[in-house]
C-alpha cells in the first residue's frame, strides 16, 4: 500500500475514533493528518524504547502494562499536537484501542 494512501486511511481512522469517543476532540481533518503522522513517529521511535525499559514490569503484569505505555504515548501526542485534546488517561487508552481496531480492519 502506498505511503500516502496509508496516511490518509490512518487519518480517517483517527478522525473516526475521535468522532466516536466523547473524551477525544479534533479540530478538523488536517489535525487528524498531523495526529496520524506524530502518532506514527512516536510509535516508531519512543514506543520500542519504553517497551525495553519497562520489560520487567510488563512481564510481571502479563502484558497489561502495555496499556499504560500506549495511554501515555497518546497523551504525549495530545500535548504535542494543537487541536487534539484527550480528557484523561483512560480516554487515551480507549482511543488507542479503538484506533488499533480500525487500523486492523483497514490493513486486512
N, C-alpha and C. Protein backbone atom coordinates (compact mmCIF):
# COMPACT_ATOMS: atom_id res chain seq x y z
N UNK A 1 0.85 -1.17 0.00
CA UNK A 1 0.00 0.00 0.00
C UNK A 1 0.90 1.24 0.00
N UNK A 2 0.67 2.18 -0.91
CA UNK A 2 1.48 3.39 -0.94
C UNK A 2 1.38 4.18 0.37
N UNK A 3 2.43 4.91 0.67
CA UNK A 3 2.52 5.63 1.95
C UNK A 3 1.42 6.69 2.08
N UNK A 4 1.13 7.39 1.01
CA UNK A 4 0.11 8.43 1.07
C UNK A 4 -1.27 7.84 1.33
N UNK A 5 -1.57 6.72 0.72
CA UNK A 5 -2.85 6.06 0.94
C UNK A 5 -2.96 5.58 2.38
N UNK A 6 -1.87 5.01 2.88
CA UNK A 6 -1.87 4.54 4.27
C UNK A 6 -2.03 5.70 5.24
N UNK A 7 -1.38 6.83 4.95
CA UNK A 7 -1.52 8.01 5.80
C UNK A 7 -2.95 8.53 5.81
N UNK A 8 -3.58 8.58 4.65
CA UNK A 8 -4.97 9.05 4.60
C UNK A 8 -5.93 8.10 5.31
N UNK A 9 -5.70 6.79 5.17
CA UNK A 9 -6.55 5.83 5.87
C UNK A 9 -6.35 5.90 7.38
N UNK A 10 -5.10 6.07 7.82
CA UNK A 10 -4.85 6.24 9.25
C UNK A 10 -5.47 7.53 9.78
N UNK A 11 -5.43 8.58 8.96
CA UNK A 11 -6.06 9.84 9.35
C UNK A 11 -7.57 9.69 9.47
N UNK A 12 -8.16 8.94 8.55
CA UNK A 12 -9.60 8.66 8.65
C UNK A 12 -9.91 7.86 9.91
N UNK A 13 -9.04 6.92 10.26
CA UNK A 13 -9.23 6.14 11.48
C UNK A 13 -9.14 7.03 12.72
N UNK A 14 -8.18 7.95 12.74
CA UNK A 14 -8.05 8.89 13.85
C UNK A 14 -9.29 9.77 13.94
N UNK A 15 -9.75 10.26 12.80
CA UNK A 15 -10.93 11.12 12.77
C UNK A 15 -12.18 10.37 13.24
N UNK A 16 -12.33 9.12 12.80
CA UNK A 16 -13.49 8.32 13.20
C UNK A 16 -13.43 7.97 14.69
N UNK A 17 -12.26 7.63 15.19
CA UNK A 17 -12.13 7.30 16.61
C UNK A 17 -12.43 8.51 17.47
N UNK A 18 -11.99 9.69 17.04
CA UNK A 18 -12.28 10.91 17.78
C UNK A 18 -13.77 11.26 17.72
N UNK A 19 -14.42 10.92 16.62
CA UNK A 19 -15.85 11.20 16.49
C UNK A 19 -16.68 10.27 17.38
N UNK A 20 -16.20 9.05 17.57
CA UNK A 20 -16.94 8.08 18.39
C UNK A 20 -16.78 8.36 19.89
N UNK A 21 -15.58 8.72 20.31
CA UNK A 21 -15.30 8.87 21.73
C UNK A 21 -15.54 10.31 22.18
N UNK A 22 -16.36 10.52 23.19
CA UNK A 22 -16.63 11.90 23.63
C UNK A 22 -15.47 12.54 24.38
N UNK A 23 -14.52 11.78 24.86
CA UNK A 23 -13.40 12.34 25.60
C UNK A 23 -12.23 12.74 24.72
N UNK A 24 -12.37 12.59 23.40
CA UNK A 24 -11.30 12.93 22.46
C UNK A 24 -11.87 13.92 21.45
N UNK A 25 -11.14 15.02 21.25
CA UNK A 25 -11.61 16.06 20.33
C UNK A 25 -10.54 16.43 19.31
N UNK A 26 -10.98 16.60 18.08
CA UNK A 26 -10.13 17.07 16.98
C UNK A 26 -10.75 18.33 16.39
N UNK A 27 -9.92 19.28 15.99
CA UNK A 27 -10.45 20.49 15.38
C UNK A 27 -10.96 20.25 13.96
N UNK A 28 -10.15 19.57 13.15
CA UNK A 28 -10.53 19.34 11.75
C UNK A 28 -9.76 18.14 11.21
N UNK A 29 -9.96 17.86 9.93
CA UNK A 29 -9.31 16.69 9.33
C UNK A 29 -7.81 16.90 9.18
N UNK A 30 -7.38 18.13 8.96
CA UNK A 30 -5.94 18.40 8.88
C UNK A 30 -5.26 18.04 10.20
N UNK A 31 -5.92 18.31 11.31
CA UNK A 31 -5.38 17.92 12.61
C UNK A 31 -5.28 16.41 12.72
N UNK A 32 -6.25 15.69 12.15
CA UNK A 32 -6.21 14.23 12.15
C UNK A 32 -5.00 13.72 11.35
N UNK A 33 -4.66 14.39 10.27
CA UNK A 33 -3.49 14.01 9.49
C UNK A 33 -2.22 14.21 10.30
N UNK A 34 -2.14 15.36 10.99
CA UNK A 34 -0.96 15.64 11.82
C UNK A 34 -0.88 14.65 12.97
N UNK A 35 -2.01 14.31 13.59
CA UNK A 35 -2.03 13.33 14.67
C UNK A 35 -1.55 11.97 14.16
N UNK A 36 -1.99 11.57 12.99
CA UNK A 36 -1.57 10.28 12.43
C UNK A 36 -0.06 10.26 12.18
N UNK A 37 0.49 11.36 11.70
CA UNK A 37 1.93 11.43 11.44
C UNK A 37 2.71 11.38 12.75
N UNK A 38 2.31 12.22 13.72
CA UNK A 38 3.03 12.27 15.00
C UNK A 38 2.87 10.95 15.76
N UNK A 39 1.69 10.37 15.73
CA UNK A 39 1.47 9.08 16.41
C UNK A 39 2.32 7.99 15.76
N UNK A 40 2.44 8.02 14.46
CA UNK A 40 3.31 7.06 13.77
C UNK A 40 4.77 7.23 14.15
N UNK A 41 5.22 8.47 14.25
CA UNK A 41 6.61 8.73 14.65
C UNK A 41 6.86 8.32 16.09
N UNK A 42 5.93 8.65 16.97
CA UNK A 42 6.08 8.29 18.39
C UNK A 42 6.08 6.77 18.55
N UNK A 43 5.20 6.09 17.83
CA UNK A 43 5.15 4.63 17.93
C UNK A 43 6.38 3.97 17.31
N UNK A 44 7.00 4.63 16.36
CA UNK A 44 8.19 4.07 15.73
C UNK A 44 9.45 4.30 16.56
N UNK A 45 9.56 5.47 17.18
CA UNK A 45 10.80 5.84 17.87
C UNK A 45 10.73 5.57 19.38
N UNK A 46 9.73 6.09 20.04
CA UNK A 46 9.70 6.07 21.51
C UNK A 46 9.14 4.77 22.07
N UNK A 47 8.13 4.21 21.42
CA UNK A 47 7.47 3.01 21.96
C UNK A 47 8.41 1.81 22.16
N UNK A 48 9.26 1.47 21.19
CA UNK A 48 10.17 0.34 21.44
C UNK A 48 11.14 0.58 22.61
N UNK A 49 11.58 1.81 22.75
CA UNK A 49 12.48 2.13 23.87
C UNK A 49 11.76 1.96 25.19
N UNK A 50 10.51 2.45 25.27
CA UNK A 50 9.74 2.28 26.51
C UNK A 50 9.44 0.82 26.80
N UNK A 51 9.17 0.03 25.76
CA UNK A 51 8.93 -1.40 25.97
C UNK A 51 10.16 -2.09 26.54
N UNK A 52 11.32 -1.75 26.03
CA UNK A 52 12.54 -2.36 26.55
C UNK A 52 12.82 -1.94 27.99
N UNK A 53 12.59 -0.66 28.30
CA UNK A 53 12.85 -0.17 29.65
C UNK A 53 11.88 -0.73 30.68
N UNK A 54 10.67 -1.01 30.25
CA UNK A 54 9.64 -1.49 31.18
C UNK A 54 9.37 -2.98 31.02
N UNK A 55 10.28 -3.70 30.40
CA UNK A 55 10.07 -5.13 30.16
C UNK A 55 9.83 -5.93 31.44
N UNK A 56 10.57 -5.71 32.52
CA UNK A 56 10.27 -6.48 33.74
C UNK A 56 8.86 -6.23 34.29
N UNK A 57 8.44 -4.98 34.27
CA UNK A 57 7.07 -4.66 34.75
C UNK A 57 6.04 -5.28 33.82
N UNK A 58 6.32 -5.24 32.53
CA UNK A 58 5.40 -5.80 31.54
C UNK A 58 5.28 -7.31 31.72
N UNK A 59 6.37 -7.97 32.03
CA UNK A 59 6.33 -9.42 32.26
C UNK A 59 5.55 -9.73 33.53
N UNK A 60 5.79 -8.95 34.57
CA UNK A 60 5.08 -9.19 35.84
C UNK A 60 3.57 -8.99 35.72
N UNK A 61 3.15 -8.04 34.89
CA UNK A 61 1.73 -7.76 34.74
C UNK A 61 1.11 -8.53 33.57
N UNK A 62 1.88 -9.45 33.00
CA UNK A 62 1.42 -10.28 31.88
C UNK A 62 0.99 -9.43 30.67
N UNK A 63 1.72 -8.36 30.43
CA UNK A 63 1.47 -7.52 29.28
C UNK A 63 0.48 -6.40 29.47
N UNK A 64 -0.15 -6.32 30.64
CA UNK A 64 -1.14 -5.27 30.86
C UNK A 64 -0.51 -3.88 30.99
N UNK A 65 0.77 -3.82 31.33
CA UNK A 65 1.44 -2.53 31.42
C UNK A 65 1.58 -1.88 30.04
N UNK A 66 1.40 -2.66 29.00
CA UNK A 66 1.42 -2.12 27.64
C UNK A 66 0.33 -1.06 27.46
N UNK A 67 -0.81 -1.25 28.09
CA UNK A 67 -1.89 -0.26 28.01
C UNK A 67 -1.47 1.06 28.64
N UNK A 68 -0.69 1.00 29.70
CA UNK A 68 -0.19 2.22 30.34
C UNK A 68 0.74 2.96 29.38
N UNK A 69 1.62 2.21 28.72
CA UNK A 69 2.55 2.83 27.77
C UNK A 69 1.79 3.46 26.61
N UNK A 70 0.82 2.74 26.07
CA UNK A 70 0.06 3.25 24.94
C UNK A 70 -0.74 4.50 25.35
N UNK A 71 -1.34 4.48 26.52
CA UNK A 71 -2.07 5.65 27.01
C UNK A 71 -1.17 6.84 27.20
N UNK A 72 0.01 6.62 27.76
CA UNK A 72 0.95 7.73 27.96
C UNK A 72 1.43 8.30 26.63
N UNK A 73 1.66 7.45 25.65
CA UNK A 73 2.10 7.94 24.34
C UNK A 73 0.99 8.73 23.64
N UNK A 74 -0.24 8.30 23.81
CA UNK A 74 -1.36 9.05 23.23
C UNK A 74 -1.50 10.40 23.91
N UNK A 75 -1.32 10.44 25.23
CA UNK A 75 -1.35 11.73 25.93
C UNK A 75 -0.19 12.62 25.48
N UNK A 76 0.97 12.03 25.23
CA UNK A 76 2.11 12.80 24.73
C UNK A 76 1.78 13.44 23.38
N UNK A 77 1.13 12.68 22.51
CA UNK A 77 0.74 13.23 21.21
C UNK A 77 -0.29 14.35 21.38
N UNK A 78 -1.18 14.20 22.36
CA UNK A 78 -2.17 15.27 22.58
C UNK A 78 -1.52 16.54 23.11
N UNK A 79 -0.40 16.41 23.81
CA UNK A 79 0.33 17.59 24.26
C UNK A 79 1.14 18.23 23.13
N UNK A 80 1.59 17.42 22.19
CA UNK A 80 2.41 17.93 21.09
C UNK A 80 1.57 18.61 20.02
N UNK A 81 0.45 17.99 19.65
CA UNK A 81 -0.36 18.47 18.53
C UNK A 81 -1.46 19.42 19.02
N UNK A 82 -1.42 20.68 18.59
CA UNK A 82 -2.51 21.59 18.95
C UNK A 82 -3.78 21.22 18.18
N UNK A 83 -4.91 21.28 18.85
CA UNK A 83 -6.18 20.93 18.22
C UNK A 83 -6.59 19.49 18.46
N UNK A 84 -5.74 18.73 19.13
CA UNK A 84 -6.05 17.34 19.50
C UNK A 84 -6.05 17.28 21.03
N UNK A 85 -7.22 17.04 21.59
CA UNK A 85 -7.35 17.05 23.05
C UNK A 85 -7.91 15.71 23.53
N UNK A 86 -7.30 15.20 24.59
CA UNK A 86 -7.76 13.98 25.24
C UNK A 86 -8.03 14.33 26.69
N UNK A 87 -9.21 13.96 27.20
CA UNK A 87 -9.61 14.37 28.54
C UNK A 87 -8.85 13.69 29.66
N UNK A 88 -8.35 12.52 29.45
CA UNK A 88 -7.62 11.85 30.52
C UNK A 88 -6.95 10.58 30.05
N UNK A 89 -6.31 9.91 30.99
CA UNK A 89 -5.54 8.72 30.67
C UNK A 89 -6.41 7.61 30.09
N UNK A 90 -7.56 7.36 30.71
CA UNK A 90 -8.39 6.25 30.24
C UNK A 90 -9.01 6.53 28.88
N UNK A 91 -9.29 7.81 28.59
CA UNK A 91 -9.75 8.16 27.24
C UNK A 91 -8.63 7.93 26.23
N UNK A 92 -7.40 8.19 26.64
CA UNK A 92 -6.25 7.96 25.75
C UNK A 92 -6.09 6.47 25.46
N UNK A 93 -6.23 5.65 26.49
CA UNK A 93 -6.12 4.20 26.29
C UNK A 93 -7.25 3.70 25.39
N UNK A 94 -8.47 4.16 25.64
CA UNK A 94 -9.61 3.74 24.82
C UNK A 94 -9.45 4.22 23.38
N UNK A 95 -8.95 5.43 23.20
CA UNK A 95 -8.69 5.94 21.85
C UNK A 95 -7.68 5.06 21.13
N UNK A 96 -6.62 4.67 21.81
CA UNK A 96 -5.60 3.81 21.19
C UNK A 96 -6.16 2.44 20.83
N UNK A 97 -7.03 1.90 21.67
CA UNK A 97 -7.63 0.60 21.38
C UNK A 97 -8.57 0.69 20.17
N UNK A 98 -9.42 1.72 20.15
CA UNK A 98 -10.33 1.90 19.02
C UNK A 98 -9.54 2.14 17.74
N UNK A 99 -8.47 2.92 17.83
CA UNK A 99 -7.63 3.17 16.67
C UNK A 99 -6.96 1.89 16.17
N UNK A 100 -6.54 1.04 17.08
CA UNK A 100 -5.94 -0.23 16.69
C UNK A 100 -6.95 -1.14 16.00
N UNK A 101 -8.19 -1.14 16.48
CA UNK A 101 -9.24 -1.94 15.84
C UNK A 101 -9.52 -1.42 14.43
N UNK A 102 -9.65 -0.09 14.29
CA UNK A 102 -9.86 0.49 12.97
C UNK A 102 -8.72 0.16 12.02
N UNK A 103 -7.48 0.29 12.51
CA UNK A 103 -6.33 0.01 11.66
C UNK A 103 -6.22 -1.46 11.28
N UNK A 104 -6.68 -2.35 12.15
CA UNK A 104 -6.66 -3.78 11.79
C UNK A 104 -7.67 -4.06 10.67
N UNK A 105 -8.82 -3.39 10.69
CA UNK A 105 -9.79 -3.55 9.61
C UNK A 105 -9.25 -2.95 8.32
N UNK A 106 -8.57 -1.82 8.43
CA UNK A 106 -8.01 -1.15 7.24
C UNK A 106 -6.92 -2.01 6.62
N UNK A 107 -6.08 -2.60 7.46
CA UNK A 107 -4.96 -3.39 6.95
C UNK A 107 -5.38 -4.70 6.31
N UNK A 108 -6.51 -5.24 6.75
CA UNK A 108 -6.93 -6.55 6.20
C UNK A 108 -7.71 -6.43 4.91
